[in-house]
Amino acid sequence: MSRAKDYVPSNDAEFDNWFRNLVEYVETKTDKDNPVWDHIPQSAVTELRAAYADWRKYYEPSLQPHTPAVTAEKNNARKRAEKTARNFVQRYLHWGDPVTDGDLINLGLSPRDTIPTAHLEVHEWVTLVIRPTNPRELTVDFHIQGASHKAKPDGYDGAVIIWAILDAPPTSHKELTNHALASRTPFVLHFEAAERGKAVYIAAAWQNGRGILGQYCEIQSAIVP
């Protein structure tokens, strides 16, 4: 069975152009004075911009005669940059308004399939159990809601865990600006010493093998030990 073409270019020069276009396009759409995409927090835009700057720092020396060490550093920077870019696309750009099909095409991404089919949908929900394990450490156990086993759904990438330390309970999942894809349970959150005793809010959703995200579970809270 053939696989769909990857939207991230494999060639470094093409990747650089694609990534720069992504950053510039997102910055335009999330302008602080007149944001068109108000679902994307500025912290995520800053992270995306920093990832591109990091990539350029190591990519530019590779455009001149260089040593194998420079190539290795560039390749490592490429892995970091691609991970950040993919996470951003999956979390903020693939799931409907206000991002249009025209926007996706301008970004080198495939427009959405307008015909809903079962294999493109994520029906399962995540159940979370949060427990302190060590100082500055919380362990998040997760499984399919209603299931007796802890295995992730067949063919799924895992669960996207989102969290944030906040002074007051959040009113929306959008306030949970930290995120990570956990391929297996449990998932361990690590914190700084200054964050001990503070309230952290956590939620999760399943992500299938197509990169499609399900619905986030109810937000839960815990105190950083």
N, C-alpha and C. Protein backbone atom coordinates (compact mmCIF):
# COMPACT_ATOMS: atom_id res chain seq x y z
N MET A 1 0.86 -1.19 0.00
CA MET A 1 0.00 0.00 0.00
C MET A 1 0.89 1.24 0.00
N SER A 2 0.64 2.20 -0.88
CA SER A 2 1.46 3.41 -0.94
C SER A 2 1.13 4.35 0.19
N ARG A 3 2.14 5.10 0.61
CA ARG A 3 1.94 6.07 1.68
C ARG A 3 1.73 7.46 1.10
N ALA A 4 0.98 8.28 1.79
CA ALA A 4 0.77 9.65 1.35
C ALA A 4 2.09 10.41 1.39
N LYS A 5 2.24 11.33 0.45
CA LYS A 5 3.47 12.11 0.37
C LYS A 5 3.63 12.97 1.62
N ASP A 6 4.82 12.94 2.19
CA ASP A 6 5.10 13.72 3.39
C ASP A 6 5.13 15.20 3.03
N TYR A 7 4.48 16.01 3.87
CA TYR A 7 4.44 17.45 3.56
C TYR A 7 5.75 18.15 3.90
N VAL A 8 6.62 17.53 4.69
CA VAL A 8 7.91 18.13 5.04
C VAL A 8 8.94 17.71 3.98
N PRO A 9 9.52 18.68 3.25
CA PRO A 9 10.49 18.32 2.21
C PRO A 9 11.72 17.61 2.79
N SER A 10 12.24 16.64 2.07
CA SER A 10 13.42 15.92 2.53
C SER A 10 14.71 16.68 2.22
N ASN A 11 14.73 17.42 1.12
CA ASN A 11 15.90 18.21 0.75
C ASN A 11 16.07 19.39 1.71
N ASP A 12 17.28 19.64 2.18
CA ASP A 12 17.51 20.69 3.17
C ASP A 12 17.13 22.08 2.66
N ALA A 13 17.50 22.40 1.42
CA ALA A 13 17.19 23.72 0.88
C ALA A 13 15.68 23.91 0.76
N GLU A 14 14.99 22.86 0.31
CA GLU A 14 13.53 22.95 0.20
C GLU A 14 12.89 23.02 1.58
N PHE A 15 13.45 22.28 2.53
CA PHE A 15 12.95 22.34 3.91
C PHE A 15 13.12 23.74 4.47
N ASP A 16 14.26 24.36 4.22
CA ASP A 16 14.50 25.71 4.72
C ASP A 16 13.47 26.68 4.16
N ASN A 17 13.18 26.59 2.87
CA ASN A 17 12.18 27.47 2.27
C ASN A 17 10.79 27.21 2.85
N TRP A 18 10.46 25.92 3.01
CA TRP A 18 9.15 25.56 3.55
C TRP A 18 8.99 26.04 4.99
N PHE A 19 10.02 25.85 5.80
CA PHE A 19 9.96 26.23 7.21
C PHE A 19 9.90 27.75 7.36
N ARG A 20 10.69 28.49 6.56
CA ARG A 20 10.66 29.95 6.61
C ARG A 20 9.27 30.47 6.22
N ASN A 21 8.69 29.88 5.18
CA ASN A 21 7.34 30.28 4.77
C ASN A 21 6.33 30.01 5.87
N LEU A 22 6.46 28.86 6.54
CA LEU A 22 5.56 28.53 7.63
C LEU A 22 5.63 29.58 8.73
N VAL A 23 6.85 29.92 9.15
CA VAL A 23 7.02 30.89 10.23
C VAL A 23 6.46 32.25 9.83
N GLU A 24 6.82 32.73 8.65
CA GLU A 24 6.37 34.05 8.22
C GLU A 24 4.85 34.10 8.05
N TYR A 25 4.27 33.04 7.52
CA TYR A 25 2.82 32.99 7.32
C TYR A 25 2.10 33.00 8.66
N VAL A 26 2.60 32.18 9.60
CA VAL A 26 1.98 32.11 10.93
C VAL A 26 2.10 33.45 11.64
N GLU A 27 3.26 34.10 11.54
CA GLU A 27 3.45 35.40 12.20
C GLU A 27 2.47 36.43 11.64
N THR A 28 2.22 36.39 10.35
CA THR A 28 1.26 37.32 9.75
C THR A 28 -0.16 37.07 10.26
N LYS A 29 -0.52 35.79 10.35
CA LYS A 29 -1.88 35.43 10.77
C LYS A 29 -2.12 35.61 12.27
N THR A 30 -1.03 35.67 13.05
CA THR A 30 -1.17 35.78 14.51
C THR A 30 -0.66 37.13 15.01
N ASP A 31 -0.64 38.12 14.13
CA ASP A 31 -0.20 39.47 14.52
C ASP A 31 -0.94 39.94 15.78
N LYS A 32 -0.19 40.43 16.75
CA LYS A 32 -0.78 40.79 18.04
C LYS A 32 -1.86 41.86 17.92
N ASP A 33 -1.70 42.77 16.98
CA ASP A 33 -2.66 43.87 16.84
C ASP A 33 -3.93 43.46 16.08
N ASN A 34 -3.79 42.46 15.20
CA ASN A 34 -4.96 42.05 14.42
C ASN A 34 -4.86 40.56 14.08
N PRO A 35 -4.99 39.70 15.09
CA PRO A 35 -4.81 38.27 14.84
C PRO A 35 -5.99 37.66 14.09
N VAL A 36 -5.69 36.98 12.99
CA VAL A 36 -6.71 36.23 12.27
C VAL A 36 -6.86 34.84 12.88
N TRP A 37 -5.72 34.28 13.30
CA TRP A 37 -5.72 32.99 13.98
C TRP A 37 -5.54 33.24 15.48
N ASP A 38 -6.63 33.43 16.19
CA ASP A 38 -6.53 33.74 17.61
C ASP A 38 -6.52 32.49 18.49
N HIS A 39 -6.50 31.31 17.85
CA HIS A 39 -6.45 30.07 18.63
C HIS A 39 -5.01 29.64 18.93
N ILE A 40 -4.04 30.35 18.37
CA ILE A 40 -2.63 29.98 18.57
C ILE A 40 -2.01 30.92 19.59
N PRO A 41 -1.53 30.41 20.72
CA PRO A 41 -0.89 31.29 21.72
C PRO A 41 0.43 31.84 21.20
N GLN A 42 0.77 33.04 21.65
CA GLN A 42 2.02 33.66 21.22
C GLN A 42 3.23 32.83 21.64
N SER A 43 3.12 32.10 22.74
CA SER A 43 4.24 31.27 23.17
C SER A 43 4.56 30.19 22.13
N ALA A 44 3.53 29.68 21.45
CA ALA A 44 3.74 28.67 20.42
C ALA A 44 4.39 29.29 19.19
N VAL A 45 3.99 30.51 18.86
CA VAL A 45 4.61 31.21 17.73
C VAL A 45 6.08 31.50 18.03
N THR A 46 6.36 31.92 19.25
CA THR A 46 7.74 32.20 19.67
C THR A 46 8.58 30.93 19.58
N GLU A 47 8.01 29.81 20.01
CA GLU A 47 8.73 28.53 19.96
C GLU A 47 9.03 28.15 18.51
N LEU A 48 8.06 28.36 17.62
CA LEU A 48 8.26 28.05 16.20
C LEU A 48 9.35 28.93 15.60
N ARG A 49 9.32 30.23 15.91
CA ARG A 49 10.32 31.16 15.40
C ARG A 49 11.72 30.78 15.90
N ALA A 50 11.81 30.43 17.17
CA ALA A 50 13.10 30.05 17.75
C ALA A 50 13.64 28.78 17.12
N ALA A 51 12.75 27.85 16.79
CA ALA A 51 13.18 26.61 16.15
C ALA A 51 13.76 26.88 14.77
N TYR A 52 13.15 27.83 14.04
CA TYR A 52 13.71 28.17 12.73
C TYR A 52 15.07 28.85 12.87
N ALA A 53 15.20 29.74 13.85
CA ALA A 53 16.48 30.41 14.08
C ALA A 53 17.56 29.41 14.44
N ASP A 54 17.21 28.42 15.24
CA ASP A 54 18.17 27.38 15.62
C ASP A 54 18.60 26.58 14.39
N TRP A 55 17.65 26.25 13.53
CA TRP A 55 17.95 25.53 12.30
C TRP A 55 18.89 26.34 11.41
N ARG A 56 18.62 27.63 11.22
CA ARG A 56 19.47 28.48 10.36
C ARG A 56 20.88 28.60 10.92
N LYS A 57 20.99 28.61 12.24
CA LYS A 57 22.31 28.74 12.89
C LYS A 57 23.24 27.61 12.45
N TYR A 58 22.69 26.42 12.29
CA TYR A 58 23.53 25.27 11.93
C TYR A 58 23.45 24.92 10.44
N TYR A 59 22.41 25.40 9.78
CA TYR A 59 22.27 25.13 8.34
C TYR A 59 23.21 26.01 7.53
N GLU A 60 23.32 27.29 7.86
CA GLU A 60 24.11 28.21 7.06
C GLU A 60 25.58 27.78 6.93
N PRO A 61 26.25 27.33 8.02
CA PRO A 61 27.65 26.89 7.85
C PRO A 61 27.79 25.70 6.89
N SER A 62 26.73 24.92 6.73
CA SER A 62 26.82 23.75 5.85
C SER A 62 26.74 24.14 4.37
N LEU A 63 26.43 25.41 4.08
CA LEU A 63 26.35 25.87 2.69
C LEU A 63 27.72 26.21 2.13
N GLN A 64 28.72 26.26 3.00
CA GLN A 64 30.11 26.51 2.61
C GLN A 64 30.91 25.21 2.77
N PRO A 65 32.11 25.15 2.22
CA PRO A 65 32.95 23.98 2.50
C PRO A 65 33.05 23.77 4.01
N HIS A 66 32.83 22.55 4.46
CA HIS A 66 32.72 22.35 5.90
C HIS A 66 33.17 20.95 6.29
N THR A 67 33.31 20.75 7.59
CA THR A 67 33.77 19.48 8.14
C THR A 67 32.59 18.55 8.42
N PRO A 68 32.86 17.27 8.63
CA PRO A 68 31.78 16.34 9.01
C PRO A 68 31.08 16.75 10.30
N ALA A 69 31.80 17.42 11.20
CA ALA A 69 31.18 17.87 12.45
C ALA A 69 30.08 18.89 12.18
N VAL A 70 30.31 19.77 11.21
CA VAL A 70 29.30 20.76 10.84
C VAL A 70 28.06 20.06 10.27
N THR A 71 28.28 19.05 9.46
CA THR A 71 27.16 18.28 8.91
C THR A 71 26.36 17.60 10.01
N ALA A 72 27.05 17.03 10.99
CA ALA A 72 26.37 16.36 12.09
C ALA A 72 25.52 17.34 12.90
N GLU A 73 26.08 18.53 13.16
CA GLU A 73 25.32 19.54 13.91
C GLU A 73 24.10 20.01 13.12
N LYS A 74 24.30 20.15 11.81
CA LYS A 74 23.17 20.55 10.96
C LYS A 74 22.08 19.50 10.97
N ASN A 75 22.46 18.24 10.89
CA ASN A 75 21.47 17.15 10.89
C ASN A 75 20.70 17.09 12.21
N ASN A 76 21.40 17.32 13.33
CA ASN A 76 20.72 17.34 14.62
C ASN A 76 19.76 18.51 14.71
N ALA A 77 20.18 19.67 14.18
CA ALA A 77 19.31 20.85 14.18
C ALA A 77 18.08 20.60 13.31
N ARG A 78 18.28 19.89 12.21
CA ARG A 78 17.15 19.56 11.32
C ARG A 78 16.13 18.70 12.06
N LYS A 79 16.60 17.73 12.84
CA LYS A 79 15.68 16.87 13.58
C LYS A 79 14.87 17.69 14.59
N ARG A 80 15.56 18.61 15.30
CA ARG A 80 14.86 19.46 16.28
C ARG A 80 13.82 20.34 15.59
N ALA A 81 14.24 20.95 14.49
CA ALA A 81 13.35 21.87 13.77
C ALA A 81 12.13 21.14 13.22
N GLU A 82 12.37 19.98 12.63
CA GLU A 82 11.26 19.23 12.04
C GLU A 82 10.27 18.77 13.11
N LYS A 83 10.77 18.37 14.26
CA LYS A 83 9.88 17.94 15.34
C LYS A 83 8.98 19.09 15.78
N THR A 84 9.57 20.27 15.96
CA THR A 84 8.78 21.43 16.38
C THR A 84 7.76 21.81 15.31
N ALA A 85 8.18 21.81 14.06
CA ALA A 85 7.28 22.19 12.97
C ALA A 85 6.11 21.21 12.86
N ARG A 86 6.40 19.91 12.92
CA ARG A 86 5.33 18.91 12.82
C ARG A 86 4.34 19.04 13.98
N ASN A 87 4.87 19.21 15.19
CA ASN A 87 3.99 19.37 16.35
C ASN A 87 3.08 20.58 16.19
N PHE A 88 3.64 21.67 15.67
CA PHE A 88 2.87 22.90 15.48
C PHE A 88 1.75 22.67 14.46
N VAL A 89 2.11 22.07 13.33
CA VAL A 89 1.12 21.81 12.28
C VAL A 89 0.00 20.92 12.81
N GLN A 90 0.37 19.84 13.51
CA GLN A 90 -0.64 18.90 13.99
C GLN A 90 -1.54 19.53 15.04
N ARG A 91 -0.97 20.39 15.87
CA ARG A 91 -1.78 20.93 16.97
C ARG A 91 -2.63 22.12 16.56
N TYR A 92 -2.13 22.96 15.65
CA TYR A 92 -2.81 24.23 15.41
C TYR A 92 -3.38 24.43 13.99
N LEU A 93 -2.95 23.64 13.02
CA LEU A 93 -3.32 23.98 11.64
C LEU A 93 -4.25 22.99 10.95
N HIS A 94 -4.46 21.82 11.52
CA HIS A 94 -5.19 20.79 10.79
C HIS A 94 -6.65 20.62 11.20
N TRP A 95 -7.11 21.43 12.14
CA TRP A 95 -8.38 21.05 12.76
C TRP A 95 -9.52 22.04 12.54
N GLY A 96 -9.54 22.70 11.38
CA GLY A 96 -10.71 23.52 11.07
C GLY A 96 -10.51 24.99 11.33
N ASP A 97 -11.65 25.72 11.34
CA ASP A 97 -11.62 27.17 11.48
C ASP A 97 -10.72 27.57 12.65
N PRO A 98 -10.02 28.73 12.48
CA PRO A 98 -10.08 29.68 11.36
C PRO A 98 -9.09 29.38 10.22
N VAL A 99 -8.36 28.27 10.28
CA VAL A 99 -7.42 27.92 9.22
C VAL A 99 -8.21 27.33 8.05
N THR A 100 -8.06 27.93 6.87
CA THR A 100 -8.82 27.50 5.70
C THR A 100 -8.01 26.54 4.84
N ASP A 101 -8.67 25.89 3.89
CA ASP A 101 -7.97 25.04 2.93
C ASP A 101 -6.97 25.86 2.11
N GLY A 102 -7.34 27.12 1.81
CA GLY A 102 -6.41 27.99 1.10
C GLY A 102 -5.14 28.24 1.89
N ASP A 103 -5.29 28.42 3.20
CA ASP A 103 -4.12 28.59 4.05
C ASP A 103 -3.23 27.35 3.99
N LEU A 104 -3.86 26.19 4.09
CA LEU A 104 -3.09 24.94 4.07
C LEU A 104 -2.32 24.79 2.77
N ILE A 105 -2.95 25.12 1.66
CA ILE A 105 -2.27 25.03 0.36
C ILE A 105 -1.10 26.01 0.30
N ASN A 106 -1.29 27.23 0.82
CA ASN A 106 -0.22 28.22 0.84
C ASN A 106 0.97 27.77 1.68
N LEU A 107 0.70 26.89 2.65
CA LEU A 107 1.75 26.39 3.53
C LEU A 107 2.35 25.08 3.05
N GLY A 108 1.93 24.63 1.88
CA GLY A 108 2.45 23.37 1.36
C GLY A 108 1.84 22.16 2.02
N LEU A 109 0.65 22.33 2.61
CA LEU A 109 -0.05 21.24 3.28
C LEU A 109 -1.26 20.82 2.46
N SER A 110 -1.70 19.59 2.66
CA SER A 110 -2.86 19.10 1.91
C SER A 110 -4.13 19.68 2.49
N PRO A 111 -5.08 20.07 1.62
CA PRO A 111 -6.39 20.52 2.14
C PRO A 111 -7.11 19.37 2.81
N ARG A 112 -8.07 19.71 3.64
CA ARG A 112 -8.78 18.68 4.40
C ARG A 112 -9.67 17.83 3.50
N ASP A 113 -9.84 16.60 3.91
CA ASP A 113 -10.81 15.71 3.27
C ASP A 113 -12.19 16.10 3.78
N THR A 114 -13.06 16.55 2.88
CA THR A 114 -14.38 17.03 3.31
C THR A 114 -15.40 15.91 3.48
N ILE A 115 -15.01 14.68 3.14
CA ILE A 115 -15.91 13.54 3.30
C ILE A 115 -15.50 12.77 4.55
N PRO A 116 -16.26 12.87 5.65
CA PRO A 116 -15.86 12.19 6.87
C PRO A 116 -16.00 10.68 6.73
N THR A 117 -14.96 9.97 7.11
CA THR A 117 -14.99 8.52 7.13
C THR A 117 -14.48 8.04 8.46
N ALA A 118 -14.87 6.82 8.83
CA ALA A 118 -14.55 6.33 10.16
C ALA A 118 -13.05 6.28 10.42
N HIS A 119 -12.24 5.93 9.40
CA HIS A 119 -10.82 5.78 9.63
C HIS A 119 -10.10 7.12 9.79
N LEU A 120 -10.82 8.23 9.53
CA LEU A 120 -10.22 9.55 9.71
C LEU A 120 -10.65 10.19 11.03
N GLU A 121 -11.41 9.47 11.82
CA GLU A 121 -11.92 10.05 13.06
C GLU A 121 -11.35 9.32 14.27
N VAL A 122 -11.21 10.05 15.36
CA VAL A 122 -10.75 9.48 16.62
C VAL A 122 -11.92 9.52 17.60
N HIS A 123 -12.44 8.36 17.92
CA HIS A 123 -13.62 8.28 18.78
C HIS A 123 -13.25 8.04 20.25
N GLU A 124 -12.08 7.49 20.50
CA GLU A 124 -11.70 7.12 21.86
C GLU A 124 -11.36 8.36 22.70
N TRP A 125 -11.58 8.24 24.00
CA TRP A 125 -11.21 9.28 24.94
C TRP A 125 -10.12 8.75 25.87
N VAL A 126 -9.38 9.67 26.45
CA VAL A 126 -8.31 9.32 27.38
C VAL A 126 -8.81 9.44 28.82
N THR A 127 -8.46 8.47 29.64
CA THR A 127 -8.62 8.57 31.09
C THR A 127 -7.25 8.77 31.71
N LEU A 128 -7.13 9.79 32.58
CA LEU A 128 -5.85 10.13 33.20
C LEU A 128 -5.87 9.79 34.69
N VAL A 129 -4.71 9.34 35.18
CA VAL A 129 -4.47 9.20 36.61
C VAL A 129 -3.13 9.87 36.90
N ILE A 130 -3.15 10.92 37.71
CA ILE A 130 -1.94 11.70 37.99
C ILE A 130 -1.48 11.40 39.41
N ARG A 131 -0.20 11.08 39.57
CA ARG A 131 0.32 10.76 40.90
C ARG A 131 1.72 11.32 41.07
N PRO A 132 2.03 11.84 42.27
CA PRO A 132 3.40 12.29 42.55
C PRO A 132 4.30 11.08 42.73
N THR A 133 5.51 11.14 42.18
CA THR A 133 6.43 10.02 42.30
C THR A 133 7.75 10.42 42.94
N ASN A 134 8.23 11.62 42.63
CA ASN A 134 9.48 12.13 43.21
C ASN A 134 9.34 13.64 43.34
N PRO A 135 10.22 14.27 44.11
CA PRO A 135 10.20 15.74 44.15
C PRO A 135 10.31 16.31 42.74
N ARG A 136 9.46 17.31 42.44
CA ARG A 136 9.44 18.00 41.15
C ARG A 136 9.04 17.06 40.00
N GLU A 137 8.27 16.01 40.31
CA GLU A 137 7.94 15.03 39.29
C GLU A 137 6.52 14.49 39.49
N LEU A 138 5.74 14.51 38.42
CA LEU A 138 4.40 13.91 38.42
C LEU A 138 4.35 12.85 37.33
N THR A 139 3.78 11.72 37.66
CA THR A 139 3.61 10.65 36.68
C THR A 139 2.16 10.62 36.22
N VAL A 140 1.99 10.60 34.91
CA VAL A 140 0.66 10.60 34.31
C VAL A 140 0.41 9.23 33.67
N ASP A 141 -0.47 8.45 34.27
CA ASP A 141 -0.91 7.19 33.68
C ASP A 141 -2.13 7.48 32.80
N PHE A 142 -2.17 6.88 31.63
CA PHE A 142 -3.32 7.11 30.76
C PHE A 142 -3.71 5.82 30.04
N HIS A 143 -5.01 5.68 29.76
CA HIS A 143 -5.51 4.53 29.03
C HIS A 143 -6.82 4.91 28.34
N ILE A 144 -7.32 4.01 27.53
CA ILE A 144 -8.59 4.26 26.83
C ILE A 144 -9.72 4.29 27.85
N GLN A 145 -10.54 5.30 27.77
CA GLN A 145 -11.67 5.41 28.68
C GLN A 145 -12.56 4.17 28.57
N GLY A 146 -12.80 3.54 29.71
CA GLY A 146 -13.66 2.37 29.75
C GLY A 146 -12.96 1.06 29.51
N ALA A 147 -11.66 1.09 29.14
CA ALA A 147 -10.92 -0.14 28.87
C ALA A 147 -10.27 -0.67 30.14
N SER A 148 -10.11 -1.98 30.21
CA SER A 148 -9.46 -2.60 31.37
C SER A 148 -7.96 -2.72 31.19
N HIS A 149 -7.48 -2.54 29.96
CA HIS A 149 -6.04 -2.64 29.69
C HIS A 149 -5.45 -1.24 29.51
N LYS A 150 -4.12 -1.16 29.49
CA LYS A 150 -3.44 0.13 29.37
C LYS A 150 -2.86 0.37 27.98
N ALA A 151 -3.12 -0.52 27.04
CA ALA A 151 -2.58 -0.34 25.70
C ALA A 151 -3.27 0.82 24.99
N LYS A 152 -2.51 1.53 24.15
CA LYS A 152 -3.11 2.59 23.35
C LYS A 152 -3.95 1.95 22.25
N PRO A 153 -4.86 2.70 21.64
CA PRO A 153 -5.67 2.14 20.54
C PRO A 153 -4.78 1.61 19.42
N ASP A 154 -5.19 0.53 18.81
CA ASP A 154 -4.40 -0.11 17.77
C ASP A 154 -4.12 0.85 16.62
N GLY A 155 -2.83 0.97 16.26
CA GLY A 155 -2.44 1.82 15.15
C GLY A 155 -2.30 3.29 15.49
N TYR A 156 -2.47 3.66 16.76
CA TYR A 156 -2.38 5.07 17.16
C TYR A 156 -0.94 5.43 17.53
N ASP A 157 -0.61 6.73 17.37
CA ASP A 157 0.72 7.22 17.76
C ASP A 157 0.86 7.26 19.28
N GLY A 158 -0.21 7.58 19.96
CA GLY A 158 -0.18 7.71 21.41
C GLY A 158 -1.14 8.78 21.87
N ALA A 159 -0.84 9.37 23.02
CA ALA A 159 -1.68 10.43 23.58
C ALA A 159 -0.91 11.74 23.59
N VAL A 160 -1.57 12.80 23.18
CA VAL A 160 -0.99 14.15 23.29
C VAL A 160 -1.34 14.68 24.67
N ILE A 161 -0.31 14.91 25.49
CA ILE A 161 -0.48 15.44 26.84
C ILE A 161 -0.27 16.95 26.80
N ILE A 162 -1.21 17.71 27.34
CA ILE A 162 -1.05 19.17 27.42
C ILE A 162 -1.14 19.58 28.89
N TRP A 163 -0.36 20.60 29.27
CA TRP A 163 -0.36 21.02 30.66
C TRP A 163 0.15 22.46 30.80
N ALA A 164 -0.13 23.03 31.97
CA ALA A 164 0.37 24.37 32.29
C ALA A 164 0.24 24.61 33.78
N ILE A 165 1.16 25.36 34.33
CA ILE A 165 1.07 25.84 35.70
C ILE A 165 0.37 27.20 35.65
N LEU A 166 -0.76 27.31 36.35
CA LEU A 166 -1.58 28.52 36.29
C LEU A 166 -1.98 28.96 37.69
N ASP A 167 -2.24 30.25 37.82
CA ASP A 167 -2.66 30.79 39.12
C ASP A 167 -4.12 30.50 39.42
N ALA A 168 -4.90 30.22 38.37
CA ALA A 168 -6.33 29.93 38.55
C ALA A 168 -6.72 28.82 37.59
N PRO A 169 -7.76 28.07 37.89
CA PRO A 169 -8.19 27.00 36.99
C PRO A 169 -8.50 27.54 35.59
N PRO A 170 -8.06 26.85 34.56
CA PRO A 170 -8.30 27.32 33.19
C PRO A 170 -9.75 27.16 32.78
N THR A 171 -10.18 27.99 31.87
CA THR A 171 -11.54 27.89 31.33
C THR A 171 -11.55 27.24 29.96
N SER A 172 -10.36 26.98 29.41
CA SER A 172 -10.26 26.40 28.08
C SER A 172 -8.99 25.56 27.99
N HIS A 173 -9.03 24.53 27.16
CA HIS A 173 -7.83 23.72 26.92
C HIS A 173 -6.74 24.54 26.24
N LYS A 174 -7.10 25.64 25.59
CA LYS A 174 -6.10 26.47 24.92
C LYS A 174 -5.10 27.07 25.89
N GLU A 175 -5.48 27.17 27.17
CA GLU A 175 -4.57 27.74 28.17
C GLU A 175 -3.47 26.76 28.57
N LEU A 176 -3.60 25.51 28.20
CA LEU A 176 -2.57 24.51 28.51
C LEU A 176 -1.58 24.49 27.35
N THR A 177 -0.54 25.32 27.45
CA THR A 177 0.32 25.62 26.31
C THR A 177 1.52 24.69 26.16
N ASN A 178 1.80 23.85 27.16
CA ASN A 178 2.87 22.86 27.02
C ASN A 178 2.26 21.58 26.46
N HIS A 179 3.00 20.89 25.61
CA HIS A 179 2.44 19.68 25.03
C HIS A 179 3.54 18.69 24.66
N ALA A 180 3.19 17.42 24.67
CA ALA A 180 4.12 16.37 24.28
C ALA A 180 3.31 15.16 23.82
N LEU A 181 3.87 14.41 22.87
CA LEU A 181 3.23 13.18 22.42
C LEU A 181 3.83 12.02 23.21
N ALA A 182 3.01 11.34 23.98
CA ALA A 182 3.44 10.19 24.78
C ALA A 182 3.06 8.92 24.05
N SER A 183 4.04 8.15 23.62
CA SER A 183 3.77 6.94 22.85
C SER A 183 3.38 5.77 23.73
N ARG A 184 3.66 5.87 25.03
CA ARG A 184 3.29 4.80 25.95
C ARG A 184 3.06 5.37 27.33
N THR A 185 2.31 4.63 28.14
CA THR A 185 2.04 5.04 29.50
C THR A 185 3.01 4.32 30.44
N PRO A 186 3.44 4.95 31.54
CA PRO A 186 3.10 6.32 31.97
C PRO A 186 4.01 7.36 31.33
N PHE A 187 3.59 8.63 31.48
CA PHE A 187 4.37 9.76 31.00
C PHE A 187 4.75 10.60 32.22
N VAL A 188 6.02 11.00 32.29
CA VAL A 188 6.51 11.71 33.47
C VAL A 188 6.73 13.19 33.14
N LEU A 189 6.14 14.06 33.98
CA LEU A 189 6.33 15.50 33.86
C LEU A 189 7.38 15.94 34.88
N HIS A 190 8.36 16.72 34.42
CA HIS A 190 9.40 17.22 35.29
C HIS A 190 9.26 18.73 35.45
N PHE A 191 9.53 19.23 36.65
CA PHE A 191 9.34 20.65 36.95
C PHE A 191 10.60 21.23 37.59
N GLU A 192 10.64 22.55 37.65
CA GLU A 192 11.74 23.25 38.31
C GLU A 192 11.46 23.36 39.81
N ALA A 193 12.52 23.60 40.58
CA ALA A 193 12.38 23.71 42.03
C ALA A 193 11.42 24.85 42.41
N ALA A 194 11.46 25.95 41.65
CA ALA A 194 10.62 27.10 41.96
C ALA A 194 9.14 26.81 41.71
N GLU A 195 8.83 25.72 41.02
CA GLU A 195 7.44 25.38 40.70
C GLU A 195 6.81 24.44 41.73
N ARG A 196 7.60 24.00 42.71
CA ARG A 196 7.06 23.10 43.73
C ARG A 196 5.95 23.79 44.52
N GLY A 197 4.87 23.07 44.79
CA GLY A 197 3.75 23.63 45.54
C GLY A 197 2.74 24.36 44.67
N LYS A 198 3.01 24.50 43.39
CA LYS A 198 2.08 25.20 42.50
C LYS A 198 1.12 24.21 41.84
N ALA A 199 -0.01 24.73 41.39
CA ALA A 199 -1.02 23.89 40.74
C ALA A 199 -0.71 23.76 39.25
N VAL A 200 -0.70 22.53 38.77
CA VAL A 200 -0.52 22.26 37.34
C VAL A 200 -1.80 21.61 36.82
N TYR A 201 -2.22 22.03 35.64
CA TYR A 201 -3.46 21.55 35.02
C TYR A 201 -3.10 20.72 33.79
N ILE A 202 -3.72 19.55 33.66
CA ILE A 202 -3.31 18.56 32.67
C ILE A 202 -4.54 17.98 31.96
N ALA A 203 -4.39 17.72 30.65
CA ALA A 203 -5.41 17.02 29.89
C ALA A 203 -4.71 16.21 28.81
N ALA A 204 -5.47 15.37 28.10
CA ALA A 204 -4.87 14.54 27.06
C ALA A 204 -5.91 14.12 26.04
N ALA A 205 -5.42 13.79 24.84
CA ALA A 205 -6.29 13.28 23.76
C ALA A 205 -5.49 12.27 22.96
N TRP A 206 -6.18 11.28 22.40
CA TRP A 206 -5.52 10.30 21.55
C TRP A 206 -5.19 10.89 20.19
N GLN A 207 -4.06 10.46 19.62
CA GLN A 207 -3.69 10.84 18.25
C GLN A 207 -3.50 9.55 17.45
N ASN A 208 -4.21 9.44 16.33
CA ASN A 208 -4.10 8.20 15.56
C ASN A 208 -2.90 8.22 14.62
N GLY A 209 -2.73 7.14 13.87
CA GLY A 209 -1.56 7.01 13.01
C GLY A 209 -1.52 7.98 11.85
N ARG A 210 -2.64 8.65 11.58
CA ARG A 210 -2.68 9.68 10.54
C ARG A 210 -2.35 11.07 11.09
N GLY A 211 -2.06 11.13 12.39
CA GLY A 211 -1.79 12.42 13.02
C GLY A 211 -3.04 13.18 13.39
N ILE A 212 -4.20 12.51 13.36
CA ILE A 212 -5.46 13.16 13.69
C ILE A 212 -5.69 13.08 15.19
N LEU A 213 -6.04 14.21 15.78
CA LEU A 213 -6.21 14.32 17.22
C LEU A 213 -7.67 14.19 17.61
N GLY A 214 -7.93 13.45 18.68
CA GLY A 214 -9.28 13.33 19.20
C GLY A 214 -9.64 14.46 20.14
N GLN A 215 -10.70 14.28 20.91
CA GLN A 215 -11.14 15.29 21.85
C GLN A 215 -10.33 15.17 23.15
N TYR A 216 -9.97 16.33 23.70
CA TYR A 216 -9.27 16.32 24.98
C TYR A 216 -10.21 15.95 26.11
N CYS A 217 -9.69 15.19 27.06
CA CYS A 217 -10.48 14.83 28.23
C CYS A 217 -10.65 16.05 29.14
N GLU A 218 -11.43 15.88 30.19
CA GLU A 218 -11.59 16.96 31.15
C GLU A 218 -10.26 17.33 31.78
N ILE A 219 -10.07 18.61 32.01
CA ILE A 219 -8.82 19.08 32.61
C ILE A 219 -8.75 18.64 34.07
N GLN A 220 -7.61 18.07 34.44
CA GLN A 220 -7.36 17.66 35.82
C GLN A 220 -6.24 18.49 36.41
N SER A 221 -6.19 18.54 37.73
CA SER A 221 -5.16 19.34 38.40
C SER A 221 -4.39 18.50 39.40
N ALA A 222 -3.18 18.95 39.70
CA ALA A 222 -2.34 18.33 40.71
C ALA A 222 -1.38 19.39 41.25
N ILE A 223 -0.79 19.12 42.38
CA ILE A 223 0.20 20.02 42.96
C ILE A 223 1.60 19.46 42.70
N VAL A 224 2.48 20.30 42.21
CA VAL A 224 3.86 19.86 41.95
C VAL A 224 4.52 19.50 43.27
N PRO A 225 4.98 18.25 43.43
CA PRO A 225 5.56 17.83 44.70
C PRO A 225 6.96 18.38 44.93
